[in-house]
Protein backbone atom coordinates (compact mmCIF):
# COMPACT_ATOMS: atom_id res chain seq x y z
CA UNK A 1 -257.06 149.00 80.57
CA UNK A 2 -254.73 148.78 77.61
CA UNK A 3 -250.98 148.18 77.56
CA UNK A 4 -248.42 147.80 74.81
CA UNK A 5 -245.18 145.83 74.70
CA UNK A 6 -242.60 146.29 72.00
CA UNK A 7 -240.28 143.30 71.92
CA UNK A 8 -237.79 144.98 69.60
CA UNK A 9 -237.37 148.04 71.82
CA UNK A 10 -236.86 145.83 74.88
CA UNK A 11 -234.26 143.77 73.02
CA UNK A 12 -232.35 146.91 72.04
CA UNK A 13 -232.28 148.08 75.69
CA UNK A 14 -231.00 144.69 76.85
CA UNK A 15 -228.25 144.70 74.24
CA UNK A 16 -227.23 148.27 75.04
CA UNK A 17 -226.70 147.56 78.75
CA UNK A 18 -225.12 144.15 78.38
CA UNK A 19 -221.98 143.85 80.56
CA UNK A 20 -218.94 143.75 78.30
CA UNK A 21 -216.08 144.85 80.56
CA UNK A 22 -215.13 144.22 84.21
CA UNK A 23 -212.44 146.40 85.79
CA UNK A 24 -210.60 145.36 88.97
CA UNK A 25 -208.61 147.73 91.16
CA UNK A 26 -206.83 147.94 94.53
CA UNK A 27 -205.63 144.33 94.63
CA UNK A 28 -202.05 143.19 95.30
CA UNK A 29 -202.07 139.64 96.62
CA UNK A 30 -205.16 138.21 94.95
CA UNK A 31 -204.37 136.73 91.56
CA UNK A 32 -206.12 138.43 88.65
CA UNK A 33 -207.02 135.04 87.18
CA UNK A 34 -208.98 134.24 90.37
CA UNK A 35 -210.90 137.50 90.05
CA UNK A 36 -211.67 136.88 86.39
CA UNK A 37 -212.83 133.32 87.02
CA UNK A 38 -215.05 134.43 89.92
CA UNK A 39 -216.82 137.10 87.85
CA UNK A 40 -216.86 135.48 84.42
CA UNK A 41 -220.58 134.73 84.81
CA UNK A 42 -221.38 138.45 84.69
CA UNK A 43 -220.61 138.91 81.02
CA UNK A 44 -223.65 139.40 78.79
CA UNK A 45 -225.89 140.06 81.81
CA UNK A 46 -227.90 143.26 81.99
CA UNK A 47 -226.15 145.97 83.99
CA UNK A 48 -229.49 147.21 85.36
CA UNK A 49 -230.21 143.80 86.85
CA UNK A 50 -226.80 143.29 88.41
CA UNK A 51 -227.11 141.73 91.89
CA UNK A 52 -224.29 142.33 94.37
CA UNK A 53 -225.14 139.17 96.28
CA UNK A 54 -224.30 136.97 93.33
CA UNK A 55 -220.88 138.60 93.05
CA UNK A 56 -220.31 138.42 96.80
CA UNK A 57 -220.99 134.68 96.80
CA UNK A 58 -218.20 134.09 94.30
CA UNK A 59 -215.65 136.57 95.62
CA UNK A 60 -215.99 135.22 99.17
CA UNK A 61 -214.47 131.99 97.90
CA UNK A 62 -211.16 133.84 97.44
CA UNK A 63 -209.46 133.64 100.84
CA UNK A 64 -207.56 136.95 100.73
CA UNK A 65 -210.59 139.13 99.97
CA UNK A 66 -211.93 141.05 103.00
CA UNK A 67 -214.57 143.09 101.17
CA UNK A 68 -215.23 144.89 97.91
CA UNK A 69 -217.11 147.77 96.33
CA UNK A 70 -219.04 147.59 93.05
CA UNK A 71 -219.62 150.51 90.73
CA UNK A 72 -221.77 150.35 87.62
CA UNK A 73 -220.37 152.30 84.70
CA UNK A 74 -223.04 152.74 82.08
CA UNK A 75 -223.66 151.55 79.52
CA UNK A 76 -221.71 148.28 79.80
CA UNK A 77 -218.94 148.20 82.44
CA UNK A 78 -218.53 147.11 86.05
CA UNK A 79 -215.73 148.32 88.33
CA UNK A 80 -214.87 146.19 91.38
CA UNK A 81 -212.60 147.63 94.07
CA UNK A 82 -210.98 144.91 96.16
CA UNK A 83 -210.07 145.23 99.86
CA UNK A 84 -207.68 142.48 100.90
CA UNK A 85 -207.17 140.87 104.29
CA UNK A 86 -204.01 141.98 106.08
CA UNK A 87 -201.84 139.22 107.60
CA UNK A 88 -199.87 140.28 110.68
CA UNK A 89 -198.16 137.00 111.63
CA UNK A 90 -197.56 133.49 110.39
CA UNK A 91 -199.27 131.18 112.86
CA UNK A 92 -197.75 127.73 113.33
CA UNK A 93 -200.27 125.52 115.14
CA UNK A 94 -198.48 122.19 115.49
CA UNK A 95 -198.34 120.88 111.90
CA UNK A 96 -200.76 123.46 110.51
CA UNK A 97 -199.61 126.81 109.19
CA UNK A 98 -201.71 129.93 108.56
CA UNK A 99 -201.64 133.65 108.03
CA UNK A 100 -203.34 135.37 110.98
CA UNK A 101 -204.91 138.70 109.99
CA UNK A 102 -205.57 141.96 111.82
CA UNK A 103 -209.27 140.96 111.93
CA UNK A 104 -208.40 137.63 113.61
CA UNK A 105 -209.03 135.53 110.50
CA UNK A 106 -206.98 132.54 109.41
CA UNK A 107 -205.82 132.03 105.84
CA UNK A 108 -204.15 128.81 104.75
CA UNK A 109 -200.46 129.51 104.35
CA UNK A 110 -198.70 129.62 101.01
CA UNK A 111 -195.41 131.44 100.35
CA UNK A 112 -195.80 135.12 99.48
CA UNK A 113 -192.83 137.42 98.98
CA UNK A 114 -194.80 140.35 100.42
CA UNK A 115 -195.11 138.60 103.79
CA UNK A 116 -191.74 136.89 104.13
CA UNK A 117 -190.77 139.16 107.04
CA UNK A 118 -193.83 138.53 109.21
CA UNK A 119 -193.28 137.32 112.78
CA UNK A 120 -193.80 133.61 113.36
CA UNK A 121 -196.09 132.61 116.23
CA UNK A 122 -196.08 129.10 117.68
CA UNK A 123 -199.55 128.83 119.20
CA UNK A 124 -203.15 128.00 118.47
CA UNK A 125 -205.53 130.70 117.23
CA UNK A 126 -207.56 131.07 120.43
CA UNK A 127 -204.58 131.65 122.71
CA UNK A 128 -202.82 134.00 120.35
CA UNK A 129 -205.91 136.09 119.70
CA UNK A 130 -206.09 136.91 123.43
CA UNK A 131 -202.36 137.59 123.62
CA UNK A 132 -202.43 139.82 120.53
CA UNK A 133 -205.27 141.91 121.98
CA UNK A 134 -203.21 142.44 125.13
CA UNK A 135 -200.19 143.47 123.06
CA UNK A 136 -202.33 146.05 121.26
CA UNK A 137 -203.91 147.26 124.49
CA UNK A 138 -200.45 147.95 125.90
CA UNK A 139 -199.17 149.54 122.67
CA UNK A 140 -196.43 146.95 122.33
CA UNK A 141 -194.58 147.71 119.06
CA UNK A 142 -195.36 144.80 116.79
CA UNK A 143 -192.67 145.74 114.30
CA UNK A 144 -189.88 144.71 116.71
CA UNK A 145 -191.16 141.13 117.06
CA UNK A 146 -189.42 138.24 115.33
CA UNK A 147 -191.02 135.21 117.01
CA UNK A 148 -193.57 134.42 119.72
CA UNK A 149 -193.80 131.12 121.60
CA UNK A 150 -196.77 129.85 123.60
CA UNK A 151 -195.86 127.00 125.96
CA UNK A 152 -198.09 124.28 127.36
CA UNK A 153 -197.89 126.01 130.73
CA UNK A 154 -199.70 128.95 128.98
CA UNK A 155 -196.61 131.09 129.35
CA UNK A 156 -195.29 133.31 126.52
CA UNK A 157 -191.85 134.20 125.19
CA UNK A 158 -191.28 137.07 122.76
CA UNK A 159 -188.13 137.17 120.64
CA UNK A 160 -187.34 140.55 119.14
CA UNK A 161 -185.56 141.31 115.87
CA UNK A 162 -182.57 142.31 118.01
CA UNK A 163 -182.58 138.72 119.33
CA UNK A 164 -183.66 139.77 122.80
CA UNK A 165 -185.94 137.26 124.52
CA UNK A 166 -188.70 138.41 126.87
CA UNK A 167 -189.73 135.58 129.17
CA UNK A 168 -193.14 136.47 130.53
CA UNK A 169 -194.81 135.07 133.66
CA UNK A 170 -197.98 133.01 133.41
CA UNK A 171 -200.05 135.57 135.32
CA UNK A 172 -200.21 139.36 135.02
CA UNK A 173 -197.77 139.46 132.13
CA UNK A 174 -199.02 142.87 130.95
CA UNK A 175 -197.09 144.43 133.84
CA UNK A 176 -193.93 142.83 132.47
CA UNK A 177 -194.66 144.07 128.97
CA UNK A 178 -194.96 147.62 130.24
CA UNK A 179 -191.72 147.31 132.16
CA UNK A 180 -189.85 146.06 129.08
CA UNK A 181 -191.13 149.00 127.05
CA UNK A 182 -189.72 151.38 129.65
CA UNK A 183 -186.34 149.64 129.67
CA UNK A 184 -185.76 148.70 126.05
CA UNK A 185 -184.59 152.13 124.85
CA UNK A 186 -182.53 152.99 127.88
CA UNK A 187 -178.78 153.15 127.66
CA UNK A 188 -176.91 149.86 128.24
CA UNK A 189 -180.04 147.69 128.11
CA UNK A 190 -179.38 146.75 124.51
CA UNK A 191 -176.49 144.54 125.69
CA UNK A 192 -178.87 142.17 127.47
CA UNK A 193 -180.32 139.28 125.49
CA UNK A 194 -182.72 137.83 128.06
CA UNK A 195 -185.34 139.71 130.10
CA UNK A 196 -186.70 137.09 132.47
CA UNK A 197 -189.90 138.07 134.31
CA UNK A 198 -190.97 134.57 135.33
CA UNK A 199 -190.34 135.10 139.05
CA UNK A 200 -192.94 137.42 140.58
CA UNK A 201 -191.78 141.01 141.07
CA UNK A 202 -188.31 140.22 139.75
CA UNK A 203 -186.41 140.85 136.53
CA UNK A 204 -183.37 138.73 135.72
CA UNK A 205 -181.13 140.11 133.00
CA UNK A 206 -178.62 138.01 131.09
């Protein structure tokens, strides 16, 4: 058996497909400098030999990145489409503060103009995750919420953007949520600031 190997031809191929440009798209919160630093190692590598795992390892270090897509653009470019995590509340767990995302992830809090209007939740992650799932299950409109409090008794209060407070019972609070949704848009109920469901089968309005 005979084989030939031309070093010059191989060198030309390597040079032709050497990565020279990285394009990022679909990012809003992630800083471009973070993306550039995370992928700087790709330059001068062969586009044919590009391994997604090596990129994933670096991009996962950026807290706001949920996932990404990589597209090779021959002969020498890489396009990376970023999918960011979506915070839904600011979670205050005693002295610790986080963004809590729609996929139940925590991101260390730092001020972002885009998320200044998020509801603030005073709770730990485990308790709020259960409560949030129940809110979703009952189609409770999240956009009306200003603050949520979780007390040591495991009871919840919801404060709306209209400054109405919903005081929920410890047990079977989904029934109370449904009742509030029925009442909230009815005439004259907007004058009440407290909807107190803490006593079983009773609603106290103030």
